[in-house]
Amino acid sequence: MYRFLLTRQWLILALIALVLIPTMVELGFWQLHRHEHKVAQNALISQNLKAKPVPVAGLTSPGHVVPRSDYWRAVTATGTYDEQHEVVVRRRTATDGSIGVHVLIPFDLRGGGTVMINRGWVPSASDQHAFPDVPAVPKGEVTVTGRLKADETTGASGIKDISDLPDRQVMLINSAQQAKLLARPVLGGYIEQTGPEPKDDSPELIEAPDDSSIGPHMAYAVQWWLFAGGVPVGYVVLARREKRDRLAAAAEAATRADAAEPEPTKA
């Protein structure tokens, strides 16, 4: 009764099912790994944000690549702003979704060394070739607190690094790039400023990363695995339905054949 499973149509259907099952299982594990990565990242963010702030020079140095274990680490820096070499980072988003720029400024540390500080977000100038209106920085020596971040790259961020930008405008926050512009060593990574808070809330400080949401990845993983389990079930259901339909068709054909036979004549 199941000989029809050897027909071309059903063999193709079986082949598709055999391909779909491992593919869906693999997609489920991919989502599971994304869930695990998100959980680990949330734990790292929470741990580093709550850690006691340490001097930034103790975690990084010129040419240093900030490791993931130090992302968002609370740091301090004492020194003076180099307002003359302040630049803006284009195409950045404010808390409300508005597109503007981030204000990036060199900060000369007491005792030597320079670190880049992201002061926060301000609106772009009406003319994209003009430098926007950026509030002045405090004069003299100050202590800045913030979150340590790794240098941005095109590969990691997906942001294209355009070279022919107007003066004092960049696309990426990158210490090596800034070291070339400044002609002096710059500590690897940069500080995302959290304090002191600016007057009149400008620049707008960058919000702390979310360490509570885990996203829908686990739900997606379970969904893919349910789909994988549903493929063979669906195949069996279709095969049984085909068998039932074929039996019904055969019975109907036999009934019609019996009805079509002439009745025997009486002697």
Protein backbone atom coordinates (compact mmCIF):
# COMPACT_ATOMS: atom_id res chain seq x y z
CA MET A 1 0.00 0.00 0.00
CA TYR A 2 2.98 2.33 0.48
CA ARG A 3 4.66 1.49 -2.81
CA PHE A 4 3.81 5.01 -3.99
CA LEU A 5 6.59 6.26 -1.70
CA LEU A 6 9.04 5.00 -4.34
CA THR A 7 7.60 7.28 -7.00
CA ARG A 8 9.61 10.29 -8.19
CA GLN A 9 7.35 12.82 -6.43
CA TRP A 10 7.59 11.13 -3.04
CA LEU A 11 11.33 10.46 -3.32
CA ILE A 12 11.91 14.17 -3.94
CA LEU A 13 9.69 14.99 -0.96
CA ALA A 14 11.67 12.58 1.23
CA LEU A 15 14.94 14.13 0.07
CA ILE A 16 13.70 17.62 0.94
CA ALA A 17 12.67 16.37 4.39
CA LEU A 18 16.12 14.83 4.95
CA VAL A 19 17.73 18.15 4.08
CA LEU A 20 15.36 20.27 6.17
CA ILE A 21 15.72 18.29 9.40
CA PRO A 22 19.47 18.78 10.00
CA THR A 23 19.28 22.34 8.67
CA MET A 24 16.59 23.26 11.18
CA VAL A 25 18.45 21.50 14.00
CA GLU A 26 21.58 23.49 13.13
CA LEU A 27 19.61 26.75 13.02
CA GLY A 28 18.28 25.91 16.48
CA PHE A 29 21.81 25.45 17.85
CA TRP A 30 22.87 28.71 16.15
CA GLN A 31 20.12 30.56 18.02
CA LEU A 32 21.07 28.74 21.23
CA HIS A 33 24.66 29.92 20.88
CA ARG A 34 23.43 33.48 20.29
CA HIS A 35 21.37 33.18 23.48
CA GLU A 36 24.37 31.94 25.44
CA HIS A 37 26.52 34.76 24.01
CA LYS A 38 23.90 37.33 25.03
CA VAL A 39 23.66 35.94 28.55
CA ALA A 40 27.46 35.98 28.91
CA GLN A 41 27.65 39.51 27.53
CA ASN A 42 24.97 40.74 29.95
CA ALA A 43 26.91 39.22 32.83
CA LEU A 44 30.11 40.91 31.62
CA ILE A 45 28.39 44.30 31.21
CA SER A 46 26.83 44.09 34.67
CA GLN A 47 30.09 43.02 36.29
CA ASN A 48 32.21 45.71 34.61
CA LEU A 49 29.73 48.52 35.19
CA LYS A 50 29.53 47.68 38.90
CA ALA A 51 33.29 47.27 39.30
CA LYS A 52 35.23 49.92 41.18
CA PRO A 53 36.58 52.48 38.67
CA VAL A 54 40.30 52.17 37.96
CA PRO A 55 42.71 54.58 36.21
CA VAL A 56 42.43 54.07 32.46
CA ALA A 57 46.22 53.88 32.05
CA GLY A 58 46.18 50.71 34.15
CA LEU A 59 44.06 48.90 31.55
CA THR A 60 45.38 50.15 28.24
CA SER A 61 48.42 51.67 26.55
CA PRO A 62 49.34 52.99 23.08
CA GLY A 63 48.63 50.31 20.47
CA HIS A 64 46.80 48.14 23.00
CA VAL A 65 43.76 46.21 21.77
CA VAL A 66 41.10 46.32 24.48
CA PRO A 67 40.01 42.71 25.17
CA ARG A 68 36.37 41.80 25.49
CA SER A 69 36.84 41.16 29.21
CA ASP A 70 37.52 44.89 29.67
CA TYR A 71 34.64 46.20 27.53
CA TRP A 72 32.50 48.71 29.50
CA ARG A 73 34.94 48.63 32.42
CA ALA A 74 34.48 51.64 34.69
CA VAL A 75 37.58 53.86 34.43
CA THR A 76 38.80 57.28 35.50
CA ALA A 77 41.17 59.75 33.87
CA THR A 78 42.66 62.93 35.33
CA GLY A 79 44.11 65.56 33.07
CA THR A 80 43.13 68.30 30.62
CA TYR A 81 41.03 68.37 27.46
CA ASP A 82 42.77 69.19 24.18
CA GLU A 83 39.92 71.20 22.69
CA GLN A 84 42.02 72.34 19.73
CA HIS A 85 42.02 68.81 18.30
CA GLU A 86 38.39 67.94 19.02
CA VAL A 87 36.61 66.11 16.18
CA VAL A 88 33.10 64.82 15.55
CA VAL A 89 32.07 61.29 14.56
CA ARG A 90 29.39 61.36 11.90
CA ARG A 91 26.10 59.44 11.65
CA ARG A 92 25.54 58.70 15.32
CA THR A 93 22.17 58.25 17.00
CA ALA A 94 20.78 60.00 20.08
CA THR A 95 18.59 58.33 22.69
CA ASP A 96 15.45 59.44 20.82
CA GLY A 97 16.73 58.13 17.49
CA SER A 98 17.82 61.49 16.06
CA ILE A 99 20.86 61.36 13.79
CA GLY A 100 23.76 63.60 14.71
CA VAL A 101 27.40 63.27 15.74
CA HIS A 102 29.48 62.14 18.69
CA VAL A 103 32.04 64.56 20.06
CA LEU A 104 35.50 62.99 20.30
CA ILE A 105 38.28 64.84 22.10
CA PRO A 106 41.88 64.02 23.12
CA PHE A 107 42.47 64.08 26.87
CA ASP A 108 46.04 64.63 28.06
CA LEU A 109 46.61 62.63 31.22
CA ARG A 110 48.40 63.92 34.26
CA GLY A 111 51.79 62.23 34.21
CA GLY A 112 51.80 61.76 30.44
CA GLY A 113 49.83 60.03 27.73
CA THR A 114 46.68 60.81 25.79
CA VAL A 115 43.34 59.01 25.70
CA MET A 116 40.38 59.73 23.44
CA ILE A 117 37.09 60.59 25.14
CA ASN A 118 33.65 60.34 23.58
CA ARG A 119 31.85 63.27 25.20
CA GLY A 120 28.44 62.27 23.82
CA TRP A 121 25.93 63.26 21.15
CA VAL A 122 25.09 66.65 19.62
CA PRO A 123 23.00 67.53 16.54
CA SER A 124 24.75 67.83 13.20
CA ALA A 125 25.29 71.22 11.63
CA SER A 126 22.75 72.22 8.96
CA ASP A 127 25.62 72.11 6.47
CA GLN A 128 27.30 68.69 6.53
CA HIS A 129 30.62 70.35 5.65
CA ALA A 130 30.48 72.64 8.70
CA PHE A 131 31.60 71.83 12.22
CA PRO A 132 28.57 71.63 14.54
CA ASP A 133 27.99 73.77 17.60
CA VAL A 134 29.73 71.90 20.41
CA PRO A 135 29.67 73.14 24.03
CA ALA A 136 33.07 74.07 25.42
CA VAL A 137 34.89 71.72 27.78
CA PRO A 138 35.91 72.68 31.34
CA LYS A 139 39.23 74.48 31.56
CA GLY A 140 42.11 73.22 33.64
CA GLU A 141 42.58 69.80 35.19
CA VAL A 142 39.51 67.64 35.63
CA THR A 143 38.74 64.03 36.47
CA VAL A 144 36.58 62.18 33.97
CA THR A 145 34.77 58.90 34.60
CA GLY A 146 33.48 56.62 31.91
CA ARG A 147 33.32 53.22 30.28
CA LEU A 148 36.32 51.75 28.47
CA LYS A 149 35.51 50.79 24.88
CA ALA A 150 37.50 49.09 22.14
CA ASP A 151 38.57 50.91 19.00
CA GLU A 152 35.94 50.88 16.25
CA THR A 153 36.81 49.19 12.97
CA THR A 154 34.88 48.78 9.75
CA GLY A 155 34.95 45.00 10.16
CA ALA A 156 33.48 45.04 13.66
CA SER A 157 31.04 47.94 13.26
CA GLY A 158 30.07 47.73 9.60
CA ILE A 159 30.68 51.49 9.29
CA LYS A 160 32.52 52.45 6.12
CA ASP A 161 35.57 54.60 6.87
CA ILE A 162 35.29 57.46 4.39
CA SER A 163 38.59 59.27 3.91
CA ASP A 164 37.60 62.48 2.10
CA LEU A 165 35.54 64.02 4.92
CA PRO A 166 35.53 67.70 5.87
CA ASP A 167 38.15 68.86 8.35
CA ARG A 168 37.70 67.57 11.93
CA GLN A 169 35.14 64.94 10.95
CA VAL A 170 35.64 61.16 11.12
CA MET A 171 33.53 58.05 10.71
CA LEU A 172 35.14 55.79 13.33
CA ILE A 173 36.43 56.18 16.87
CA ASN A 174 39.88 54.69 16.47
CA SER A 175 42.92 55.49 18.61
CA ALA A 176 45.47 54.58 15.93
CA GLN A 177 43.74 56.90 13.47
CA GLN A 178 43.72 59.71 16.02
CA ALA A 179 47.37 59.10 16.92
CA LYS A 180 48.30 59.81 13.29
CA LEU A 181 46.25 63.01 13.27
CA LEU A 182 47.75 64.16 16.57
CA ALA A 183 51.29 62.98 15.77
CA ARG A 184 51.64 61.54 19.26
CA PRO A 185 50.89 58.20 20.99
CA VAL A 186 47.30 57.57 22.07
CA LEU A 187 46.09 54.87 24.46
CA GLY A 188 44.29 52.03 22.73
CA GLY A 189 40.49 52.17 22.86
CA TYR A 190 38.62 55.16 24.22
CA ILE A 191 36.50 56.35 27.14
CA GLU A 192 32.74 56.71 26.81
CA GLN A 193 32.20 59.60 29.24
CA THR A 194 29.70 59.27 32.07
CA GLY A 195 30.89 62.11 34.30
CA PRO A 196 31.08 64.91 35.05
CA GLU A 197 27.66 65.50 33.54
CA PRO A 198 27.66 68.42 31.10
CA LYS A 199 25.73 71.61 31.74
CA ASP A 200 22.34 71.81 29.99
CA ASP A 201 22.70 68.09 29.13
CA SER A 202 24.82 68.85 26.06
CA PRO A 203 26.54 66.87 24.76
CA GLU A 204 24.01 64.15 25.56
CA LEU A 205 25.84 61.41 27.42
CA ILE A 206 25.60 57.93 25.94
CA GLU A 207 23.30 55.56 27.80
CA ALA A 208 24.73 52.55 29.56
CA PRO A 209 24.41 49.32 27.61
CA ASP A 210 21.43 47.11 28.39
CA ASP A 211 22.39 44.20 30.63
CA SER A 212 18.90 42.83 31.27
CA SER A 213 17.40 41.85 27.92
CA ILE A 214 18.31 38.42 26.59
CA GLY A 215 16.34 38.72 23.36
CA PRO A 216 14.21 36.04 21.66
CA HIS A 217 17.06 33.70 20.68
CA MET A 218 16.08 30.84 23.00
CA ALA A 219 12.49 30.98 21.77
CA TYR A 220 13.77 30.90 18.18
CA ALA A 221 15.97 27.88 19.01
CA VAL A 222 13.01 25.94 20.41
CA GLN A 223 10.93 27.00 17.41
CA TRP A 224 13.49 25.64 14.95
CA TRP A 225 13.73 22.34 16.83
CA LEU A 226 9.94 22.02 16.84
CA PHE A 227 9.97 22.62 13.09
CA ALA A 228 12.64 19.91 12.71
CA GLY A 229 10.50 17.48 14.73
CA GLY A 230 7.43 18.43 12.70
CA VAL A 231 9.01 17.54 9.36
CA PRO A 232 8.94 13.72 9.80
CA VAL A 233 5.54 13.95 11.49
CA GLY A 234 4.23 15.92 8.53
CA TYR A 235 5.76 13.42 6.11
CA VAL A 236 4.01 10.50 7.86
CA VAL A 237 0.69 12.41 7.95
CA LEU A 238 0.93 13.14 4.21
CA ALA A 239 1.87 9.54 3.43
CA ARG A 240 -1.07 8.15 5.42
CA ARG A 241 -3.41 10.64 3.79
CA GLU A 242 -2.12 9.61 0.37
CA LYS A 243 -2.64 5.96 1.26
CA ARG A 244 -6.22 6.68 2.42
CA ASP A 245 -6.99 8.65 -0.72
CA ARG A 246 -5.58 5.90 -2.93
CA LEU A 247 -7.60 3.23 -1.12
CA ALA A 248 -10.73 5.36 -1.40
CA ALA A 249 -10.09 5.92 -5.11
CA ALA A 250 -9.53 2.20 -5.65
CA ALA A 251 -12.73 1.31 -3.79
CA GLU A 252 -14.69 3.87 -5.78
CA ALA A 253 -13.27 2.54 -9.04
CA ALA A 254 -14.23 -1.01 -8.04
CA THR A 255 -17.77 0.10 -7.19
CA ARG A 256 -18.10 1.80 -10.54
CA ALA A 257 -16.76 -1.29 -12.30
CA ASP A 258 -19.29 -3.50 -10.51
CA ALA A 259 -22.10 -1.12 -11.40
CA ALA A 260 -21.04 -1.10 -15.03
CA GLU A 261 -21.14 -4.90 -15.44
CA PRO A 262 -24.34 -6.09 -17.29
CA GLU A 263 -26.78 -8.19 -15.30
CA PRO A 264 -26.96 -11.84 -16.41
CA THR A 265 -29.94 -12.62 -18.72
CA LYS A 266 -32.56 -15.03 -17.49
CA ALA A 267 -33.18 -18.24 -19.50
